[in-house]
Amino acid sequence: MAEWNPWTQLEQMRRELDRAIDGFTRRTEPFARVAFLPGRAARQYPMMNLHDSGDAIKIEALAPGLDPESLEVSVVRHTLRIAGEKRRLTADIQPEAFHRRERATGKFVRTIELPTEIDVNKVSADYTHGLLVITLPKKEQVKPKQIAVKVN
């Protein structure tokens, strides 16, 4: 039989509150109304994959059609911030002329919490063919160290 631990329940409650607060703050951010999916539930933009390659955290963000000059990537402590703008392709078409408009335009901001400490002086970002690849090297003190085991 498992032993009851109040700290475990408090930690679970904290995680649930964090999740609820994160969901609320996303909807109230200034650019959250630009969902890039009109008429549907708002999705975070750009869509991302985040994985750990051992020495670094790698992020692949799918963001076609961005103005590369508007792209801003910054890291503060454990938070990555990506901001930019998707501009209209043709300025001569008035908004009321559209019968269907699924490729939204406008400014966006996306922030995500990083799973580990990052060496901010070595962060790199490349934007090619609509894919933003960000490499966030880990700080030396958080990288796993291999310890040799001596056999006698």
Protein backbone atom coordinates (compact mmCIF):
# COMPACT_ATOMS: atom_id res chain seq x y z
CA MET A 1 0.00 0.00 0.00
CA ALA A 2 1.35 3.42 -0.97
CA GLU A 3 2.11 5.89 1.76
CA TRP A 4 0.17 9.18 1.60
CA ASN A 5 2.40 12.18 1.02
CA PRO A 6 0.82 15.66 1.19
CA TRP A 7 3.77 17.19 -0.72
CA THR A 8 3.01 15.06 -3.76
CA GLN A 9 -0.58 16.29 -3.81
CA LEU A 10 0.55 19.91 -3.37
CA GLU A 11 3.01 19.54 -6.25
CA GLN A 12 0.26 18.10 -8.46
CA MET A 13 -2.04 21.00 -7.53
CA ARG A 14 0.73 23.50 -8.32
CA ARG A 15 1.23 21.96 -11.77
CA GLU A 16 -2.52 22.12 -12.46
CA LEU A 17 -2.66 25.78 -11.38
CA ASP A 18 0.37 26.59 -13.57
CA ARG A 19 -1.35 24.93 -16.52
CA ALA A 20 -4.57 26.88 -15.88
CA ILE A 21 -2.71 30.19 -15.53
CA ASP A 22 -0.69 29.50 -18.70
CA GLY A 23 -3.91 28.86 -20.61
CA PHE A 24 -5.43 32.09 -19.32
CA THR A 25 -2.40 34.27 -20.07
CA ARG A 26 -2.11 32.94 -23.61
CA ARG A 27 -5.64 34.14 -24.36
CA THR A 28 -4.98 37.58 -22.95
CA GLU A 29 -1.65 38.30 -24.64
CA PRO A 30 -1.86 41.26 -27.02
CA PHE A 31 -1.34 39.18 -30.17
CA ALA A 32 -3.37 36.12 -29.10
CA ARG A 33 -6.34 37.23 -31.20
CA VAL A 34 -4.24 36.54 -34.32
CA ALA A 35 -4.80 32.79 -34.32
CA PHE A 36 -3.82 32.14 -37.97
CA LEU A 37 -6.79 29.78 -38.00
CA PRO A 38 -9.86 32.02 -38.34
CA GLY A 39 -13.09 30.56 -37.04
CA ARG A 40 -11.36 27.80 -35.11
CA ALA A 41 -9.76 27.49 -31.71
CA ALA A 42 -6.63 29.59 -31.48
CA ARG A 43 -3.38 27.71 -31.95
CA GLN A 44 0.01 28.84 -30.89
CA TYR A 45 2.01 30.18 -33.83
CA PRO A 46 4.48 29.14 -35.01
CA MET A 47 3.99 25.42 -34.39
CA MET A 48 7.15 23.94 -32.86
CA ASN A 49 9.04 20.77 -32.19
CA LEU A 50 11.46 20.89 -29.26
CA HIS A 51 13.98 18.15 -28.54
CA ASP A 52 17.11 17.57 -26.48
CA SER A 53 20.19 16.60 -28.51
CA GLY A 54 22.38 16.08 -25.41
CA ASP A 55 24.50 19.23 -25.65
CA ALA A 56 21.70 21.53 -26.76
CA ILE A 57 17.97 22.08 -26.99
CA LYS A 58 16.84 22.26 -30.62
CA ILE A 59 13.66 23.95 -31.76
CA GLU A 60 12.13 23.68 -35.21
CA ALA A 61 9.39 26.25 -35.76
CA LEU A 62 7.18 26.00 -38.84
CA ALA A 63 6.70 29.60 -39.96
CA PRO A 64 6.25 30.02 -43.72
CA GLY A 65 5.69 33.45 -45.20
CA LEU A 66 7.38 35.47 -42.49
CA ASP A 67 9.11 38.72 -43.22
CA PRO A 68 12.69 37.77 -42.19
CA GLU A 69 13.39 41.41 -41.24
CA SER A 70 10.60 41.31 -38.62
CA LEU A 71 11.80 38.09 -36.96
CA GLU A 72 13.01 38.50 -33.36
CA VAL A 73 14.38 35.65 -31.23
CA SER A 74 15.43 36.23 -27.62
CA VAL A 75 16.22 34.15 -24.54
CA VAL A 76 15.84 35.39 -20.97
CA ARG A 77 16.57 32.89 -18.19
CA HIS A 78 14.39 29.85 -19.00
CA THR A 79 12.15 31.56 -21.58
CA LEU A 80 12.42 31.69 -25.35
CA ARG A 81 10.51 34.45 -27.18
CA ILE A 82 9.85 34.43 -30.92
CA ALA A 83 8.12 37.42 -32.53
CA GLY A 84 7.55 38.42 -36.11
CA GLU A 85 5.06 39.42 -38.75
CA LYS A 86 3.36 37.77 -41.70
CA ARG A 87 2.62 40.50 -44.22
CA ARG A 88 -0.10 40.49 -46.84
CA LEU A 89 1.13 39.27 -50.20
CA THR A 90 -0.93 41.72 -52.20
CA ALA A 91 -1.90 45.09 -50.81
CA ASP A 92 -4.27 45.84 -53.70
CA ILE A 93 -6.95 43.33 -52.56
CA GLN A 94 -9.32 44.84 -50.03
CA PRO A 95 -10.28 42.68 -47.00
CA GLU A 96 -13.99 42.79 -47.89
CA ALA A 97 -13.25 41.21 -51.31
CA PHE A 98 -12.24 37.87 -49.79
CA HIS A 99 -14.75 35.01 -49.87
CA ARG A 100 -12.44 32.78 -47.87
CA ARG A 101 -9.37 33.83 -45.97
CA GLU A 102 -7.47 31.04 -44.21
CA ARG A 103 -3.94 32.41 -44.54
CA ALA A 104 -4.04 35.10 -41.91
CA THR A 105 -1.51 37.89 -41.63
CA GLY A 106 -0.31 40.08 -38.82
CA LYS A 107 2.06 40.17 -35.89
CA PHE A 108 2.62 37.28 -33.52
CA VAL A 109 4.52 36.54 -30.32
CA ARG A 110 5.21 33.08 -28.94
CA THR A 111 6.99 32.36 -25.68
CA ILE A 112 7.87 28.96 -24.30
CA GLU A 113 9.55 27.81 -21.13
CA LEU A 114 12.80 25.95 -21.74
CA PRO A 115 13.47 22.70 -19.85
CA THR A 116 17.04 23.58 -18.79
CA GLU A 117 19.54 26.42 -18.43
CA ILE A 118 20.89 27.79 -21.70
CA ASP A 119 24.20 29.41 -22.61
CA VAL A 120 22.65 32.56 -24.11
CA ASN A 121 25.96 33.65 -25.70
CA LYS A 122 25.96 30.62 -28.02
CA VAL A 123 22.33 30.59 -29.21
CA SER A 124 21.92 30.48 -32.99
CA ALA A 125 18.90 30.74 -35.28
CA ASP A 126 18.49 30.00 -39.01
CA TYR A 127 15.41 30.68 -41.14
CA THR A 128 15.28 28.73 -44.40
CA HIS A 129 12.30 27.89 -46.62
CA GLY A 130 9.77 28.70 -43.87
CA LEU A 131 11.49 26.69 -41.14
CA LEU A 132 13.08 28.50 -38.20
CA VAL A 133 15.71 26.30 -36.51
CA ILE A 134 16.99 27.53 -33.15
CA THR A 135 19.91 25.84 -31.39
CA LEU A 136 20.14 26.57 -27.67
CA PRO A 137 23.37 25.11 -26.20
CA LYS A 138 23.11 24.00 -22.58
CA LYS A 139 25.26 25.56 -19.88
CA GLU A 140 28.25 23.40 -19.02
CA GLN A 141 27.08 22.73 -15.45
CA VAL A 142 23.80 21.14 -16.64
CA LYS A 143 25.32 18.86 -19.30
CA PRO A 144 25.49 15.23 -18.20
CA LYS A 145 29.01 14.07 -17.36
CA GLN A 146 30.17 10.57 -18.11
CA ILE A 147 32.01 9.15 -15.10
CA ALA A 148 34.50 6.37 -15.71
CA VAL A 149 34.08 3.37 -13.45
CA LYS A 150 37.30 1.71 -12.35
CA VAL A 151 37.25 -2.05 -12.16
CA ASN A 152 39.68 -3.66 -9.67
